[in-house]
C-alpha atoms as a PDB file:
ATOM      1  CA  UNK A   1      -8.002   0.136   3.652  1.00  0.00           C
ATOM      2  CA  UNK A   2      -5.152  -2.125   3.760  1.00  0.00           C
ATOM      3  CA  UNK A   3      -5.749  -2.636  -0.188  1.00  0.00           C
ATOM      4  CA  UNK A   4      -5.309   0.883  -0.758  1.00  0.00           C
ATOM      5  CA  UNK A   5      -2.077   1.245   1.229  1.00  0.00           C
ATOM      6  CA  UNK A   6      -0.608  -1.768  -0.280  1.00  0.00           C
ATOM      7  CA  UNK A   7      -1.599  -0.393  -3.968  1.00  0.00           C
ATOM      8  CA  UNK A   8      -0.088   3.368  -3.031  1.00  0.00           C
ATOM      9  CA  UNK A   9       3.336   1.593  -2.056  1.00  0.00           C
ATOM     10  CA  UNK A  10       3.265  -0.448  -5.192  1.00  0.00           C
ATOM     11  CA  UNK A  11       2.721   2.238  -7.829  1.00  0.00           C
ATOM     12  CA  UNK A  12       4.932   4.717  -5.912  1.00  0.00           C
ATOM     13  CA  UNK A  13       7.896   3.246  -7.981  1.00  0.00           C
ATOM     14  CA  UNK A  14       8.065   4.933 -11.231  1.00  0.00           C
ATOM     15  CA  UNK A  15       9.137   2.001 -12.985  1.00  0.00           C
ATOM     16  CA  UNK A  16       5.898  -0.012 -11.887  1.00  0.00           C
ATOM     17  CA  UNK A  17       3.501   3.126 -12.604  1.00  0.00           C
ATOM     18  CA  UNK A  18       4.860   3.274 -16.003  1.00  0.00           C
ATOM     19  CA  UNK A  19       4.659  -0.420 -17.017  1.00  0.00           C
ATOM     20  CA  UNK A  20       0.971  -0.573 -15.725  1.00  0.00           C
ATOM     21  CA  UNK A  21      -0.315   2.634 -17.752  1.00  0.00           C
ATOM     22  CA  UNK A  22       1.783   1.771 -20.759  1.00  0.00           C
ATOM     23  CA  UNK A  23       0.140  -1.633 -20.813  1.00  0.00           C
ATOM     24  CA  UNK A  24      -3.406  -0.645 -20.100  1.00  0.00           C
ATOM     25  CA  UNK A  25      -3.407   2.614 -22.196  1.00  0.00           C
ATOM     26  CA  UNK A  26      -0.818   2.063 -24.868  1.00  0.00           C
ATOM     27  CA  UNK A  27      -1.101  -1.819 -25.386  1.00  0.00           C
ATOM     28  CA  UNK A  28       2.551  -2.202 -24.047  1.00  0.00           C
ATOM     29  CA  UNK A  29       4.197   0.293 -26.105  1.00  0.00           C
ATOM     30  CA  UNK A  30       6.613   2.418 -24.036  1.00  0.00           C
ATOM     31  CA  UNK A  31       4.955   5.893 -23.944  1.00  0.00           C
ATOM     32  CA  UNK A  32       5.510   6.914 -20.455  1.00  0.00           C
ATOM     33  CA  UNK A  33       9.082   6.476 -19.318  1.00  0.00           C
ATOM     34  CA  UNK A  34       9.628   6.311 -15.625  1.00  0.00           C
ATOM     35  CA  UNK A  35      12.584   9.194 -15.780  1.00  0.00           C
ATOM     36  CA  UNK A  36       9.948  11.486 -16.763  1.00  0.00           C
ATOM     37  CA  UNK A  37       7.647  11.137 -14.068  1.00  0.00           C
ATOM     38  CA  UNK A  38       7.775  13.003 -10.738  1.00  0.00           C
ATOM     39  CA  UNK A  39       6.050  12.172  -7.673  1.00  0.00           C
ATOM     40  CA  UNK A  40       2.857  14.239  -6.404  1.00  0.00           C
ATOM     41  CA  UNK A  41       0.900  13.924  -3.584  1.00  0.00           C
ATOM     42  CA  UNK A  42      -2.626  12.643  -4.637  1.00  0.00           C
ATOM     43  CA  UNK A  43      -3.898  13.852  -1.295  1.00  0.00           C
ATOM     44  CA  UNK A  44      -3.167  17.504  -1.619  1.00  0.00           C
ATOM     45  CA  UNK A  45      -5.453  20.163  -3.304  1.00  0.00           C
ATOM     46  CA  UNK A  46      -4.195  21.625  -6.559  1.00  0.00           C
END
């Protein structure tokens, strides 16, 4: 459970989130820009 909390806190930063996904999905190319992201609660129903 602690790992999940730490991970949520870490990727809450838009720059970190964008870096992670740009690295793994786009091979490091800057496709996802932090300023284009908005925070959403993943525990809420859509």
